[in-house]
Protein backbone atom coordinates (compact mmCIF):
# COMPACT_ATOMS: atom_id res chain seq x y z
CA MET A 1 -3.02 -23.15 14.22
CA ASP A 2 -1.27 -19.81 14.31
CA LEU A 3 1.41 -19.49 11.66
CA PHE A 4 3.60 -17.11 13.63
CA SER A 5 3.39 -18.84 17.01
CA SER A 6 6.33 -21.10 16.20
CA ILE A 7 8.53 -18.41 14.64
CA GLY A 8 10.92 -16.81 17.08
CA MET A 9 12.83 -13.53 16.95
CA GLN A 10 15.93 -15.19 15.47
CA GLU A 11 13.95 -16.66 12.59
CA ILE A 12 12.33 -13.30 11.86
CA LEU A 13 15.76 -11.62 11.79
CA VAL A 14 17.08 -14.27 9.38
CA ILE A 15 14.07 -13.76 7.10
CA LEU A 16 14.59 -10.00 7.13
CA LEU A 17 18.29 -10.41 6.40
CA VAL A 18 17.60 -12.70 3.46
CA ALA A 19 14.92 -10.29 2.21
CA MET A 20 17.42 -7.42 2.33
CA LEU A 21 19.95 -9.45 0.36
CA VAL A 22 17.41 -10.52 -2.26
CA ILE A 23 15.30 -7.38 -2.59
CA GLY A 24 17.76 -4.78 -1.46
CA PRO A 25 17.54 -2.42 1.48
CA ASN A 26 16.01 0.41 -0.58
CA LYS A 27 13.08 -1.72 -1.76
CA ILE A 28 12.17 -3.29 1.59
CA ALA A 29 9.71 -0.51 2.55
CA GLU A 30 8.07 -0.60 -0.88
CA PHE A 31 7.83 -4.40 -0.71
CA GLY A 32 6.29 -4.25 2.76
CA LYS A 33 3.74 -1.69 1.60
CA THR A 34 2.82 -3.83 -1.37
CA LEU A 35 2.56 -6.95 0.79
CA GLY A 36 0.30 -5.04 3.22
CA ASN A 37 -1.95 -3.90 0.35
CA VAL A 38 -2.20 -7.45 -0.99
CA SER A 39 -3.01 -8.78 2.46
CA ARG A 40 -5.72 -6.08 3.01
CA ASN A 41 -7.25 -6.74 -0.42
CA LEU A 42 -7.35 -10.51 0.20
CA LYS A 43 -9.01 -9.99 3.59
CA LYS A 44 -11.59 -7.64 2.04
CA ALA A 45 -12.32 -10.09 -0.78
CA SER A 46 -12.73 -12.92 1.73
CA THR A 47 -15.12 -10.84 3.82
CA ASP A 48 -17.11 -9.76 0.78
CA PHE A 49 -17.34 -13.38 -0.43
CA THR A 50 -18.51 -14.61 2.99
CA THR A 51 -21.11 -11.81 3.19
CA SER A 52 -22.37 -12.60 -0.30
CA ILE A 53 -22.71 -16.34 0.38
CA THR A 54 -24.46 -15.67 3.72
CA ARG A 55 -26.89 -13.26 2.03
CA GLU A 56 -27.69 -15.82 -0.71
CA ILE A 57 -28.32 -18.54 1.88
CA ASP A 58 -30.60 -16.23 3.89
CA GLU A 59 -32.56 -15.28 0.76
CA GLU A 60 -32.91 -18.96 -0.21
CA GLU A 61 -34.18 -19.89 3.25
CA LYS A 62 -36.60 -16.96 3.23
CA SER A 63 -37.97 -17.95 -0.21
CA LYS A 64 -38.44 -21.57 0.92
CA LYS A 65 -40.40 -20.40 3.98
CA THR A 66 -42.52 -18.09 1.84
CA GLU A 67 -43.11 -20.84 -0.71
CA GLY A 68 -44.11 -23.27 2.04
CA ALA A 69 -46.52 -20.75 3.56
CA GLN A 70 -48.19 -20.13 0.17
CA THR A 71 -48.75 -23.83 -0.54
CA GLY A 72 -49.83 -24.58 3.02
CA LYS A 73 -47.25 -27.31 3.37
CA PRO A 74 -44.83 -27.12 6.27
CA GLU A 75 -41.19 -26.95 5.39
CA ALA A 76 -39.43 -30.33 5.62
CA LYS A 77 -36.96 -30.50 8.47
CA LYS A 78 -33.37 -31.25 7.60
CA SER A 79 -31.56 -33.83 9.66
């Protein structure tokens, strides 16, 4: 489900107007930059976490195959 698919132009304008009233027009650009940085850092952390987990799973599977080959027993199939 896409978060922004149901938000129209009017809703975006209302959000920007409220943001200007709360934050102030001078701080909007700084706030947007900070929000972009936070979003970028979260995406990078998510990607790094996924890569790390995938690498660990691959290493575990590789060690199980190696262990099975050394003992001569075939690896049990998972169902």
